[in-house]
């Protein structure tokens, strides 16, 4: 599985990274692991999965984490994760 993480500010892609997970873990665990890796890469706290975020991810295999998903203040508009390949 490959997950693409992107940080957006003012409709511009500021930073991105791709996390690859070839383990035999479940899809959910792979996604959580990739999000943890992206947060380490981008030096961010882990965002909270809100109900709207979960629905969006189930529907489109893509989720956006806005300020309300983070405990600390963020200096960008949102963090987006997207499944590229399963």
PDB file of N, CA and C in Angstrom:
ATOM      1  N   UNK A   1       0.842  -1.173   0.000  1.00  0.00           N
ATOM      2  CA  UNK A   1       0.000   0.000   0.000  1.00  0.00           C
ATOM      3  C   UNK A   1       0.890   1.240   0.000  1.00  0.00           C
ATOM      4  N   UNK A   2       0.483   2.232  -0.777  1.00  0.00           N
ATOM      5  CA  UNK A   2       1.192   3.521  -0.806  1.00  0.00           C
ATOM      6  C   UNK A   2       0.215   4.628  -0.436  1.00  0.00           C
ATOM      7  N   UNK A   3       0.634   5.478   0.499  1.00  0.00           N
ATOM      8  CA  UNK A   3      -0.168   6.613   0.962  1.00  0.00           C
ATOM      9  C   UNK A   3       0.608   7.895   0.667  1.00  0.00           C
ATOM     10  N   UNK A   4      -0.081   8.841   0.053  1.00  0.00           N
ATOM     11  CA  UNK A   4       0.521  10.129  -0.273  1.00  0.00           C
ATOM     12  C   UNK A   4       0.019  11.156   0.724  1.00  0.00           C
ATOM     13  N   UNK A   5       0.937  11.806   1.419  1.00  0.00           N
ATOM     14  CA  UNK A   5       0.587  12.865   2.363  1.00  0.00           C
ATOM     15  C   UNK A   5       1.005  14.207   1.805  1.00  0.00           C
ATOM     16  N   UNK A   6       0.097  15.195   1.906  1.00  0.00           N
ATOM     17  CA  UNK A   6       0.363  16.518   1.333  1.00  0.00           C
ATOM     18  C   UNK A   6      -0.044  17.600   2.327  1.00  0.00           C
ATOM     19  N   UNK A   7       0.763  18.638   2.429  1.00  0.00           N
ATOM     20  CA  UNK A   7       0.422  19.810   3.234  1.00  0.00           C
ATOM     21  C   UNK A   7       0.101  20.942   2.265  1.00  0.00           C
ATOM     22  N   UNK A   8      -1.075  21.548   2.477  1.00  0.00           N
ATOM     23  CA  UNK A   8      -1.563  22.622   1.607  1.00  0.00           C
ATOM     24  C   UNK A   8      -1.680  23.929   2.379  1.00  0.00           C
ATOM     25  N   UNK A   9      -1.288  25.026   1.736  1.00  0.00           N
ATOM     26  CA  UNK A   9      -1.487  26.368   2.287  1.00  0.00           C
ATOM     27  C   UNK A   9      -1.796  27.314   1.133  1.00  0.00           C
ATOM     28  N   UNK A  10      -2.884  28.038   1.259  1.00  0.00           N
ATOM     29  CA  UNK A  10      -3.315  28.997   0.225  1.00  0.00           C
ATOM     30  C   UNK A  10      -3.398  28.347  -1.158  1.00  0.00           C
ATOM     31  N   UNK A  11      -3.988  27.148  -1.210  1.00  0.00           N
ATOM     32  CA  UNK A  11      -4.172  26.380  -2.440  1.00  0.00           C
ATOM     33  C   UNK A  11      -2.872  26.010  -3.144  1.00  0.00           C
ATOM     34  N   UNK A  12      -1.777  25.963  -2.398  1.00  0.00           N
ATOM     35  CA  UNK A  12      -0.492  25.528  -2.946  1.00  0.00           C
ATOM     36  C   UNK A  12       0.013  24.341  -2.146  1.00  0.00           C
ATOM     37  N   UNK A  13       0.567  23.390  -2.865  1.00  0.00           N
ATOM     38  CA  UNK A  13       1.196  22.245  -2.227  1.00  0.00           C
ATOM     39  C   UNK A  13       2.516  22.712  -1.628  1.00  0.00           C
ATOM     40  N   UNK A  14       2.632  22.629  -0.312  1.00  0.00           N
ATOM     41  CA  UNK A  14       3.818  23.111   0.382  1.00  0.00           C
ATOM     42  C   UNK A  14       4.839  21.994   0.560  1.00  0.00           C
ATOM     43  N   UNK A  15       4.328  20.807   0.904  1.00  0.00           N
ATOM     44  CA  UNK A  15       5.214  19.681   1.196  1.00  0.00           C
ATOM     45  C   UNK A  15       4.459  18.384   0.949  1.00  0.00           C
ATOM     46  N   UNK A  16       5.180  17.348   0.515  1.00  0.00           N
ATOM     47  CA  UNK A  16       4.523  16.057   0.332  1.00  0.00           C
ATOM     48  C   UNK A  16       5.509  14.921   0.567  1.00  0.00           C
ATOM     49  N   UNK A  17       4.959  13.758   0.809  1.00  0.00           N
ATOM     50  CA  UNK A  17       5.758  12.547   1.018  1.00  0.00           C
ATOM     51  C   UNK A  17       4.875  11.346   0.718  1.00  0.00           C
ATOM     52  N   UNK A  18       5.512  10.256   0.291  1.00  0.00           N
ATOM     53  CA  UNK A  18       4.794   9.015   0.026  1.00  0.00           C
ATOM     54  C   UNK A  18       5.335   7.955   0.984  1.00  0.00           C
ATOM     55  N   UNK A  19       4.419   7.269   1.658  1.00  0.00           N
ATOM     56  CA  UNK A  19       4.762   6.200   2.586  1.00  0.00           C
ATOM     57  C   UNK A  19       4.326   4.880   1.961  1.00  0.00           C
ATOM     58  N   UNK A  20       5.226   3.915   1.922  1.00  0.00           N
ATOM     59  CA  UNK A  20       4.935   2.592   1.385  1.00  0.00           C
ATOM     60  C   UNK A  20       4.935   1.582   2.519  1.00  0.00           C
ATOM     61  N   UNK A  21       3.900   0.746   2.555  1.00  0.00           N
ATOM     62  CA  UNK A  21       3.784  -0.282   3.593  1.00  0.00           C
ATOM     63  C   UNK A  21       3.448  -1.605   2.916  1.00  0.00           C
ATOM     64  N   UNK A  22       4.406  -2.516   2.897  1.00  0.00           N
ATOM     65  CA  UNK A  22       4.223  -3.820   2.263  1.00  0.00           C
ATOM     66  C   UNK A  22       3.948  -4.927   3.279  1.00  0.00           C
ATOM     67  N   UNK A  23       3.632  -4.554   4.509  1.00  0.00           N
ATOM     68  CA  UNK A  23       3.411  -5.554   5.554  1.00  0.00           C
ATOM     69  C   UNK A  23       2.096  -6.299   5.326  1.00  0.00           C
ATOM     70  N   UNK A  24       1.888  -7.344   6.100  1.00  0.00           N
ATOM     71  CA  UNK A  24       0.654  -8.134   6.021  1.00  0.00           C
ATOM     72  C   UNK A  24      -0.399  -7.631   6.998  1.00  0.00           C
ATOM     73  N   UNK A  25      -0.228  -6.429   7.495  1.00  0.00           N
ATOM     74  CA  UNK A  25      -1.165  -5.847   8.446  1.00  0.00           C
ATOM     75  C   UNK A  25      -2.499  -5.523   7.765  1.00  0.00           C
ATOM     76  N   UNK A  26      -3.500  -5.179   8.555  1.00  0.00           N
ATOM     77  CA  UNK A  26      -4.805  -4.812   7.996  1.00  0.00           C
ATOM     78  C   UNK A  26      -4.713  -3.444   7.321  1.00  0.00           C
ATOM     79  N   UNK A  27      -5.675  -3.144   6.464  1.00  0.00           N
ATOM     80  CA  UNK A  27      -5.712  -1.857   5.763  1.00  0.00           C
ATOM     81  C   UNK A  27      -5.738  -0.706   6.759  1.00  0.00           C
ATOM     82  N   UNK A  28      -6.568  -0.830   7.796  1.00  0.00           N
ATOM     83  CA  UNK A  28      -6.697   0.223   8.803  1.00  0.00           C
ATOM     84  C   UNK A  28      -5.370   0.459   9.516  1.00  0.00           C
ATOM     85  N   UNK A  29      -4.698  -0.608   9.911  1.00  0.00           N
ATOM     86  CA  UNK A  29      -3.409  -0.452  10.584  1.00  0.00           C
ATOM     87  C   UNK A  29      -2.371   0.176   9.661  1.00  0.00           C
ATOM     88  N   UNK A  30      -2.408  -0.177   8.389  1.00  0.00           N
ATOM     89  CA  UNK A  30      -1.467   0.417   7.431  1.00  0.00           C
ATOM     90  C   UNK A  30      -1.703   1.923   7.300  1.00  0.00           C
ATOM     91  N   UNK A  31      -2.960   2.315   7.268  1.00  0.00           N
ATOM     92  CA  UNK A  31      -3.300   3.734   7.142  1.00  0.00           C
ATOM     93  C   UNK A  31      -2.856   4.499   8.378  1.00  0.00           C
ATOM     94  N   UNK A  32      -3.142   3.953   9.571  1.00  0.00           N
ATOM     95  CA  UNK A  32      -2.717   4.604  10.816  1.00  0.00           C
ATOM     96  C   UNK A  32      -1.192   4.696  10.892  1.00  0.00           C
ATOM     97  N   UNK A  33      -0.504   3.627  10.488  1.00  0.00           N
ATOM     98  CA  UNK A  33       0.956   3.620  10.501  1.00  0.00           C
ATOM     99  C   UNK A  33       1.492   4.674   9.527  1.00  0.00           C
ATOM    100  N   UNK A  34       0.920   4.756   8.339  1.00  0.00           N
ATOM    101  CA  UNK A  34       1.363   5.744   7.351  1.00  0.00           C
ATOM    102  C   UNK A  34       1.138   7.164   7.860  1.00  0.00           C
ATOM    103  N   UNK A  35       0.002   7.404   8.504  1.00  0.00           N
ATOM    104  CA  UNK A  35      -0.272   8.733   9.052  1.00  0.00           C
ATOM    105  C   UNK A  35       0.738   9.075  10.147  1.00  0.00           C
ATOM    106  N   UNK A  36       1.079   8.103  10.986  1.00  0.00           N
ATOM    107  CA  UNK A  36       2.109   8.321  12.015  1.00  0.00           C
ATOM    108  C   UNK A  36       3.444   8.681  11.370  1.00  0.00           C
ATOM    109  N   UNK A  37       3.815   7.949  10.321  1.00  0.00           N
ATOM    110  CA  UNK A  37       5.077   8.215   9.619  1.00  0.00           C
ATOM    111  C   UNK A  37       5.075   9.597   8.975  1.00  0.00           C
ATOM    112  N   UNK A  38       3.944   9.982   8.378  1.00  0.00           N
ATOM    113  CA  UNK A  38       3.845  11.314   7.770  1.00  0.00           C
ATOM    114  C   UNK A  38       3.990  12.409   8.817  1.00  0.00           C
ATOM    115  N   UNK A  39       3.369  12.210   9.972  1.00  0.00           N
ATOM    116  CA  UNK A  39       3.461  13.206  11.040  1.00  0.00           C
ATOM    117  C   UNK A  39       4.896  13.332  11.544  1.00  0.00           C
ATOM    118  N   UNK A  40       5.617  12.220  11.624  1.00  0.00           N
ATOM    119  CA  UNK A  40       7.036  12.285  11.995  1.00  0.00           C
ATOM    120  C   UNK A  40       7.840  13.016  10.926  1.00  0.00           C
ATOM    121  N   UNK A  41       7.576  12.704   9.665  1.00  0.00           N
ATOM    122  CA  UNK A  41       8.282  13.335   8.557  1.00  0.00           C
ATOM    123  C   UNK A  41       8.043  14.842   8.523  1.00  0.00           C
ATOM    124  N   UNK A  42       6.787  15.247   8.738  1.00  0.00           N
ATOM    125  CA  UNK A  42       6.419  16.663   8.677  1.00  0.00           C
ATOM    126  C   UNK A  42       6.566  17.368  10.023  1.00  0.00           C
ATOM    127  N   UNK A  43       6.989  16.642  11.064  1.00  0.00           N
ATOM    128  CA  UNK A  43       7.135  17.177  12.419  1.00  0.00           C
ATOM    129  C   UNK A  43       5.815  17.770  12.922  1.00  0.00           C
ATOM    130  N   UNK A  44       4.765  16.939  12.868  1.00  0.00           N
ATOM    131  CA  UNK A  44       3.429  17.345  13.305  1.00  0.00           C
ATOM    132  C   UNK A  44       2.945  16.442  14.430  1.00  0.00           C
ATOM    133  N   UNK A  45       2.018  16.958  15.227  1.00  0.00           N
ATOM    134  CA  UNK A  45       1.308  16.105  16.165  1.00  0.00           C
ATOM    135  C   UNK A  45       0.301  15.271  15.396  1.00  0.00           C
ATOM    136  N   UNK A  46      -0.113  14.154  15.970  1.00  0.00           N
ATOM    137  CA  UNK A  46      -1.077  13.292  15.280  1.00  0.00           C
ATOM    138  C   UNK A  46      -2.460  13.933  15.283  1.00  0.00           C
ATOM    139  N   UNK A  47      -3.101  13.968  14.121  1.00  0.00           N
ATOM    140  CA  UNK A  47      -4.450  14.538  14.066  1.00  0.00           C
ATOM    141  C   UNK A  47      -5.502  13.553  14.585  1.00  0.00           C
ATOM    142  N   UNK A  48      -6.626  14.103  14.953  1.00  0.00           N
ATOM    143  CA  UNK A  48      -7.762  13.308  15.431  1.00  0.00           C
ATOM    144  C   UNK A  48      -8.659  12.996  14.242  1.00  0.00           C
ATOM    145  N   UNK A  49      -9.119  11.745  14.155  1.00  0.00           N
ATOM    146  CA  UNK A  49     -10.043  11.343  13.095  1.00  0.00           C
ATOM    147  C   UNK A  49     -11.459  11.742  13.507  1.00  0.00           C
ATOM    148  N   UNK A  50     -11.985  12.812  12.950  1.00  0.00           N
ATOM    149  CA  UNK A  50     -13.358  13.226  13.209  1.00  0.00           C
ATOM    150  C   UNK A  50     -14.311  12.390  12.354  1.00  0.00           C
ATOM    151  N   UNK A  51     -15.579  12.354  12.721  1.00  0.00           N
ATOM    152  CA  UNK A  51     -16.560  11.553  11.974  1.00  0.00           C
ATOM    153  C   UNK A  51     -16.600  11.936  10.494  1.00  0.00           C
ATOM    154  N   UNK A  52     -16.544  13.236  10.208  1.00  0.00           N
ATOM    155  CA  UNK A  52     -16.576  13.693   8.810  1.00  0.00           C
ATOM    156  C   UNK A  52     -15.335  13.220   8.053  1.00  0.00           C
ATOM    157  N   UNK A  53     -14.196  13.195   8.728  1.00  0.00           N
ATOM    158  CA  UNK A  53     -12.956  12.737   8.110  1.00  0.00           C
ATOM    159  C   UNK A  53     -13.045  11.255   7.773  1.00  0.00           C
ATOM    160  N   UNK A  54     -13.590  10.470   8.683  1.00  0.00           N
ATOM    161  CA  UNK A  54     -13.748   9.030   8.464  1.00  0.00           C
ATOM    162  C   UNK A  54     -14.674   8.763   7.288  1.00  0.00           C
ATOM    163  N   UNK A  55     -15.807   9.481   7.233  1.00  0.00           N
ATOM    164  CA  UNK A  55     -16.752   9.309   6.115  1.00  0.00           C
ATOM    165  C   UNK A  55     -16.094   9.652   4.786  1.00  0.00           C
ATOM    166  N   UNK A  56     -15.358  10.750   4.751  1.00  0.00           N
ATOM    167  CA  UNK A  56     -14.675  11.169   3.529  1.00  0.00           C
ATOM    168  C   UNK A  56     -13.654  10.114   3.096  1.00  0.00           C
ATOM    169  N   UNK A  57     -12.905   9.567   4.055  1.00  0.00           N
ATOM    170  CA  UNK A  57     -11.892   8.580   3.717  1.00  0.00           C
ATOM    171  C   UNK A  57     -12.523   7.285   3.207  1.00  0.00           C
ATOM    172  N   UNK A  58     -13.614   6.856   3.819  1.00  0.00           N
ATOM    173  CA  UNK A  58     -14.298   5.645   3.364  1.00  0.00           C
ATOM    174  C   UNK A  58     -14.834   5.820   1.946  1.00  0.00           C
ATOM    175  N   UNK A  59     -15.317   7.007   1.636  1.00  0.00           N
ATOM    176  CA  UNK A  59     -15.934   7.272   0.345  1.00  0.00           C
ATOM    177  C   UNK A  59     -14.918   7.457  -0.773  1.00  0.00           C
ATOM    178  N   UNK A  60     -13.803   8.157  -0.482  1.00  0.00           N
ATOM    179  CA  UNK A  60     -12.885   8.560  -1.548  1.00  0.00           C
ATOM    180  C   UNK A  60     -11.453   8.064  -1.379  1.00  0.00           C
ATOM    181  N   UNK A  61     -11.161   7.335  -0.310  1.00  0.00           N
ATOM    182  CA  UNK A  61      -9.783   6.932   0.024  1.00  0.00           C
ATOM    183  C   UNK A  61      -8.870   8.146   0.113  1.00  0.00           C
ATOM    184  N   UNK A  62      -9.457   9.251   0.583  1.00  0.00           N
ATOM    185  CA  UNK A  62      -8.735  10.509   0.752  1.00  0.00           C
ATOM    186  C   UNK A  62      -9.342  11.225   1.957  1.00  0.00           C
ATOM    187  N   UNK A  63      -8.503  11.863   2.758  1.00  0.00           N
ATOM    188  CA  UNK A  63      -9.011  12.596   3.923  1.00  0.00           C
ATOM    189  C   UNK A  63      -8.195  13.865   4.121  1.00  0.00           C
ATOM    190  N   UNK A  64      -8.876  14.893   4.606  1.00  0.00           N
ATOM    191  CA  UNK A  64      -8.219  16.159   4.918  1.00  0.00           C
ATOM    192  C   UNK A  64      -8.359  16.429   6.408  1.00  0.00           C
ATOM    193  N   UNK A  65      -7.244  16.794   7.016  1.00  0.00           N
ATOM    194  CA  UNK A  65      -7.215  17.120   8.439  1.00  0.00           C
ATOM    195  C   UNK A  65      -6.984  18.626   8.570  1.00  0.00           C
ATOM    196  N   UNK A  66      -8.019  19.346   9.005  1.00  0.00           N
ATOM    197  CA  UNK A  66      -7.953  20.794   9.194  1.00  0.00           C
ATOM    198  C   UNK A  66      -7.536  21.114  10.626  1.00  0.00           C
ATOM    199  N   UNK A  67      -7.503  22.382  10.967  1.00  0.00           N
ATOM    200  CA  UNK A  67      -7.093  22.820  12.296  1.00  0.00           C
ATOM    201  C   UNK A  67      -7.877  22.130  13.406  1.00  0.00           C
ATOM    202  N   UNK A  68      -9.166  21.872  13.201  1.00  0.00           N
ATOM    203  CA  UNK A  68      -9.976  21.254  14.256  1.00  0.00           C
ATOM    204  C   UNK A  68      -9.598  19.803  14.533  1.00  0.00           C
ATOM    205  N   UNK A  69      -8.750  19.208  13.694  1.00  0.00           N
ATOM    206  CA  UNK A  69      -8.274  17.842  13.921  1.00  0.00           C
ATOM    207  C   UNK A  69      -6.961  17.799  14.712  1.00  0.00           C
ATOM    208  N   UNK A  70      -6.344  18.951  14.886  1.00  0.00           N
ATOM    209  CA  UNK A  70      -5.063  19.031  15.583  1.00  0.00           C
ATOM    210  C   UNK A  70      -5.236  19.733  16.927  1.00  0.00           C
ATOM    211  N   UNK A  71      -4.469  19.303  17.905  1.00  0.00           N
ATOM    212  CA  UNK A  71      -4.503  19.939  19.221  1.00  0.00           C
ATOM    213  C   UNK A  71      -3.709  21.236  19.185  1.00  0.00           C
ATOM    214  N   UNK A  72      -2.511  21.191  18.589  1.00  0.00           N
ATOM    215  CA  UNK A  72      -1.683  22.389  18.513  1.00  0.00           C
ATOM    216  C   UNK A  72      -2.055  23.214  17.280  1.00  0.00           C
ATOM    217  N   UNK A  73      -1.581  24.436  17.255  1.00  0.00           N
ATOM    218  CA  UNK A  73      -1.815  25.337  16.128  1.00  0.00           C
ATOM    219  C   UNK A  73      -0.994  24.867  14.928  1.00  0.00           C
ATOM    220  N   UNK A  74      -1.600  24.849  13.742  1.00  0.00           N
ATOM    221  CA  UNK A  74      -0.880  24.475  12.524  1.00  0.00           C
ATOM    222  C   UNK A  74      -0.670  25.715  11.663  1.00  0.00           C
ATOM    223  N   UNK A  75       0.400  25.720  10.887  1.00  0.00           N
ATOM    224  CA  UNK A  75       0.743  26.877  10.061  1.00  0.00           C
ATOM    225  C   UNK A  75       0.409  26.649   8.592  1.00  0.00           C
ATOM    226  N   UNK A  76      -0.539  25.784   8.326  1.00  0.00           N
ATOM    227  CA  UNK A  76      -0.976  25.487   6.964  1.00  0.00           C
ATOM    228  C   UNK A  76      -2.486  25.309   6.998  1.00  0.00           C
ATOM    229  N   UNK A  77      -3.112  25.162   5.836  1.00  0.00           N
ATOM    230  CA  UNK A  77      -4.566  25.046   5.776  1.00  0.00           C
ATOM    231  C   UNK A  77      -5.049  23.650   6.149  1.00  0.00           C
ATOM    232  N   UNK A  78      -4.413  22.622   5.584  1.00  0.00           N
ATOM    233  CA  UNK A  78      -4.801  21.254   5.921  1.00  0.00           C
ATOM    234  C   UNK A  78      -3.742  20.252   5.490  1.00  0.00           C
ATOM    235  N   UNK A  79      -3.795  19.085   6.129  1.00  0.00           N
ATOM    236  CA  UNK A  79      -2.998  17.921   5.772  1.00  0.00           C
ATOM    237  C   UNK A  79      -3.928  16.961   5.060  1.00  0.00           C
ATOM    238  N   UNK A  80      -3.526  16.502   3.897  1.00  0.00           N
ATOM    239  CA  UNK A  80      -4.348  15.580   3.124  1.00  0.00           C
ATOM    240  C   UNK A  80      -3.596  14.263   2.961  1.00  0.00           C
ATOM    241  N   UNK A  81      -4.312  13.151   3.178  1.00  0.00           N
ATOM    242  CA  UNK A  81      -3.722  11.848   2.889  1.00  0.00           C
ATOM    243  C   UNK A  81      -4.596  11.173   1.834  1.00  0.00           C
ATOM    244  N   UNK A  82      -3.944  10.408   0.976  1.00  0.00           N
ATOM    245  CA  UNK A  82      -4.649   9.755  -0.116  1.00  0.00           C
ATOM    246  C   UNK A  82      -3.997   8.405  -0.395  1.00  0.00           C
ATOM    247  N   UNK A  83      -4.839   7.378  -0.549  1.00  0.00           N
ATOM    248  CA  UNK A  83      -4.329   6.055  -0.908  1.00  0.00           C
ATOM    249  C   UNK A  83      -4.026   6.059  -2.406  1.00  0.00           C
ATOM    250  N   UNK A  84      -2.765   5.789  -2.750  1.00  0.00           N
ATOM    251  CA  UNK A  84      -2.379   5.740  -4.148  1.00  0.00           C
ATOM    252  C   UNK A  84      -2.539   4.346  -4.728  1.00  0.00           C
ATOM    253  N   UNK A  85      -2.214   3.351  -3.908  1.00  0.00           N
ATOM    254  CA  UNK A  85      -2.181   1.984  -4.411  1.00  0.00           C
ATOM    255  C   UNK A  85      -2.358   1.024  -3.229  1.00  0.00           C
ATOM    256  N   UNK A  86      -3.214   0.031  -3.411  1.00  0.00           N
ATOM    257  CA  UNK A  86      -3.422  -0.939  -2.336  1.00  0.00           C
ATOM    258  C   UNK A  86      -2.822  -2.272  -2.699  1.00  0.00           C
TER     259      UNK A  86
END
